[in-house]
Amino acid sequence: MVELGLELVVFGMGTVLVFLTLLVFVTGLMSSLVLRFAPEAPIIPSRRPSGAEGTTDPTILAAISAAVKRYRQDHGK
């Protein structure tokens, strides 16, 4: 009975090993096919509205400053 159990364990582990090996090779093949045939996504540069460099709403700056101050007070830094 123990021999039958060991045979079943070896058969099951062998099946899993074959399946996982096949999965790795098929995934690698699919990856290479996608890289070869899929069009590359265009890179779109981000644009800032003209004249907006370095300008931030003063109320937002005040809110950020207050939050940092409160955090430093609560955490002793």
C-alpha atoms as a PDB file:
ATOM      1  CA  MET A   1       0.000   0.000   0.000  1.00  0.00           C
ATOM      2  CA  VAL A   2       2.882   2.372   0.779  1.00  0.00           C
ATOM      3  CA  GLU A   3       4.376   1.627  -2.644  1.00  0.00           C
ATOM      4  CA  LEU A   4       1.117   2.635  -4.325  1.00  0.00           C
ATOM      5  CA  GLY A   5       1.071   5.880  -2.330  1.00  0.00           C
ATOM      6  CA  LEU A   6       4.653   6.703  -3.292  1.00  0.00           C
ATOM      7  CA  GLU A   7       3.883   5.928  -6.928  1.00  0.00           C
ATOM      8  CA  LEU A   8       0.903   8.276  -6.805  1.00  0.00           C
ATOM      9  CA  VAL A   9       3.003  11.029  -5.165  1.00  0.00           C
ATOM     10  CA  VAL A  10       5.753  10.723  -7.791  1.00  0.00           C
ATOM     11  CA  PHE A  11       3.194  10.725 -10.613  1.00  0.00           C
ATOM     12  CA  GLY A  12       1.445  13.805  -9.193  1.00  0.00           C
ATOM     13  CA  MET A  13       4.657  15.734  -8.606  1.00  0.00           C
ATOM     14  CA  GLY A  14       5.894  14.798 -12.072  1.00  0.00           C
ATOM     15  CA  THR A  15       2.672  16.059 -13.600  1.00  0.00           C
ATOM     16  CA  VAL A  16       2.963  19.369 -11.753  1.00  0.00           C
ATOM     17  CA  LEU A  17       6.621  19.720 -12.764  1.00  0.00           C
ATOM     18  CA  VAL A  18       5.810  19.113 -16.436  1.00  0.00           C
ATOM     19  CA  PHE A  19       2.886  21.562 -16.315  1.00  0.00           C
ATOM     20  CA  LEU A  20       4.912  24.332 -14.653  1.00  0.00           C
ATOM     21  CA  THR A  21       7.835  23.837 -17.047  1.00  0.00           C
ATOM     22  CA  LEU A  22       5.463  24.039 -19.998  1.00  0.00           C
ATOM     23  CA  LEU A  23       3.873  27.155 -18.486  1.00  0.00           C
ATOM     24  CA  VAL A  24       7.247  28.888 -18.174  1.00  0.00           C
ATOM     25  CA  PHE A  25       8.176  28.162 -21.791  1.00  0.00           C
ATOM     26  CA  VAL A  26       4.769  29.189 -23.182  1.00  0.00           C
ATOM     27  CA  THR A  27       4.832  32.418 -21.160  1.00  0.00           C
ATOM     28  CA  GLY A  28       8.316  33.237 -22.457  1.00  0.00           C
ATOM     29  CA  LEU A  29       7.213  32.521 -26.023  1.00  0.00           C
ATOM     30  CA  MET A  30       4.149  34.751 -25.651  1.00  0.00           C
ATOM     31  CA  SER A  31       6.288  37.523 -24.194  1.00  0.00           C
ATOM     32  CA  SER A  32       8.725  37.412 -27.101  1.00  0.00           C
ATOM     33  CA  LEU A  33       5.855  37.394 -29.614  1.00  0.00           C
ATOM     34  CA  VAL A  34       4.225  40.403 -27.983  1.00  0.00           C
ATOM     35  CA  LEU A  35       7.499  42.312 -27.946  1.00  0.00           C
ATOM     36  CA  ARG A  36       8.087  41.481 -31.591  1.00  0.00           C
ATOM     37  CA  PHE A  37       4.654  42.180 -33.077  1.00  0.00           C
ATOM     38  CA  ALA A  38       2.929  44.660 -30.757  1.00  0.00           C
ATOM     39  CA  PRO A  39       3.327  48.319 -31.670  1.00  0.00           C
ATOM     40  CA  GLU A  40       5.258  50.349 -29.162  1.00  0.00           C
ATOM     41  CA  ALA A  41       3.192  52.848 -27.244  1.00  0.00           C
ATOM     42  CA  PRO A  42       3.989  56.438 -28.241  1.00  0.00           C
ATOM     43  CA  ILE A  43       5.632  58.564 -25.569  1.00  0.00           C
ATOM     44  CA  ILE A  44       3.632  61.733 -25.093  1.00  0.00           C
ATOM     45  CA  PRO A  45       5.575  64.475 -23.330  1.00  0.00           C
ATOM     46  CA  SER A  46       3.711  66.256 -20.582  1.00  0.00           C
ATOM     47  CA  ARG A  47       2.955  69.867 -21.310  1.00  0.00           C
ATOM     48  CA  ARG A  48       2.582  72.642 -18.806  1.00  0.00           C
ATOM     49  CA  PRO A  49       0.457  75.627 -19.619  1.00  0.00           C
ATOM     50  CA  SER A  50       2.632  78.563 -20.555  1.00  0.00           C
ATOM     51  CA  GLY A  51       3.377  80.892 -17.674  1.00  0.00           C
ATOM     52  CA  ALA A  52       2.541  78.284 -15.033  1.00  0.00           C
ATOM     53  CA  GLU A  53       6.089  77.362 -14.064  1.00  0.00           C
ATOM     54  CA  GLY A  54       6.596  77.812 -10.345  1.00  0.00           C
ATOM     55  CA  THR A  55       3.168  79.248  -9.615  1.00  0.00           C
ATOM     56  CA  THR A  56       1.083  77.577  -6.915  1.00  0.00           C
ATOM     57  CA  ASP A  57      -2.111  78.796  -5.390  1.00  0.00           C
ATOM     58  CA  PRO A  58      -1.284  80.559  -2.093  1.00  0.00           C
ATOM     59  CA  THR A  59      -4.148  78.805  -0.298  1.00  0.00           C
ATOM     60  CA  ILE A  60      -2.690  75.432  -1.275  1.00  0.00           C
ATOM     61  CA  LEU A  61       0.740  76.497  -0.019  1.00  0.00           C
ATOM     62  CA  ALA A  62      -0.818  77.622   3.266  1.00  0.00           C
ATOM     63  CA  ALA A  63      -2.651  74.309   3.660  1.00  0.00           C
ATOM     64  CA  ILE A  64       0.527  72.320   2.969  1.00  0.00           C
ATOM     65  CA  SER A  65       2.531  74.434   5.400  1.00  0.00           C
ATOM     66  CA  ALA A  66      -0.091  74.007   8.115  1.00  0.00           C
ATOM     67  CA  ALA A  67      -0.193  70.239   7.567  1.00  0.00           C
ATOM     68  CA  VAL A  68       3.610  69.953   7.790  1.00  0.00           C
ATOM     69  CA  LYS A  69       3.668  72.081  10.928  1.00  0.00           C
ATOM     70  CA  ARG A  70       0.937  69.967  12.543  1.00  0.00           C
ATOM     71  CA  TYR A  71       2.720  66.739  11.607  1.00  0.00           C
ATOM     72  CA  ARG A  72       5.990  67.957  13.109  1.00  0.00           C
ATOM     73  CA  GLN A  73       4.203  69.001  16.307  1.00  0.00           C
ATOM     74  CA  ASP A  74       2.460  65.642  16.658  1.00  0.00           C
ATOM     75  CA  HIS A  75       5.550  63.556  15.894  1.00  0.00           C
ATOM     76  CA  GLY A  76       8.152  65.623  17.742  1.00  0.00           C
ATOM     77  CA  LYS A  77      10.273  66.590  14.774  1.00  0.00           C
END
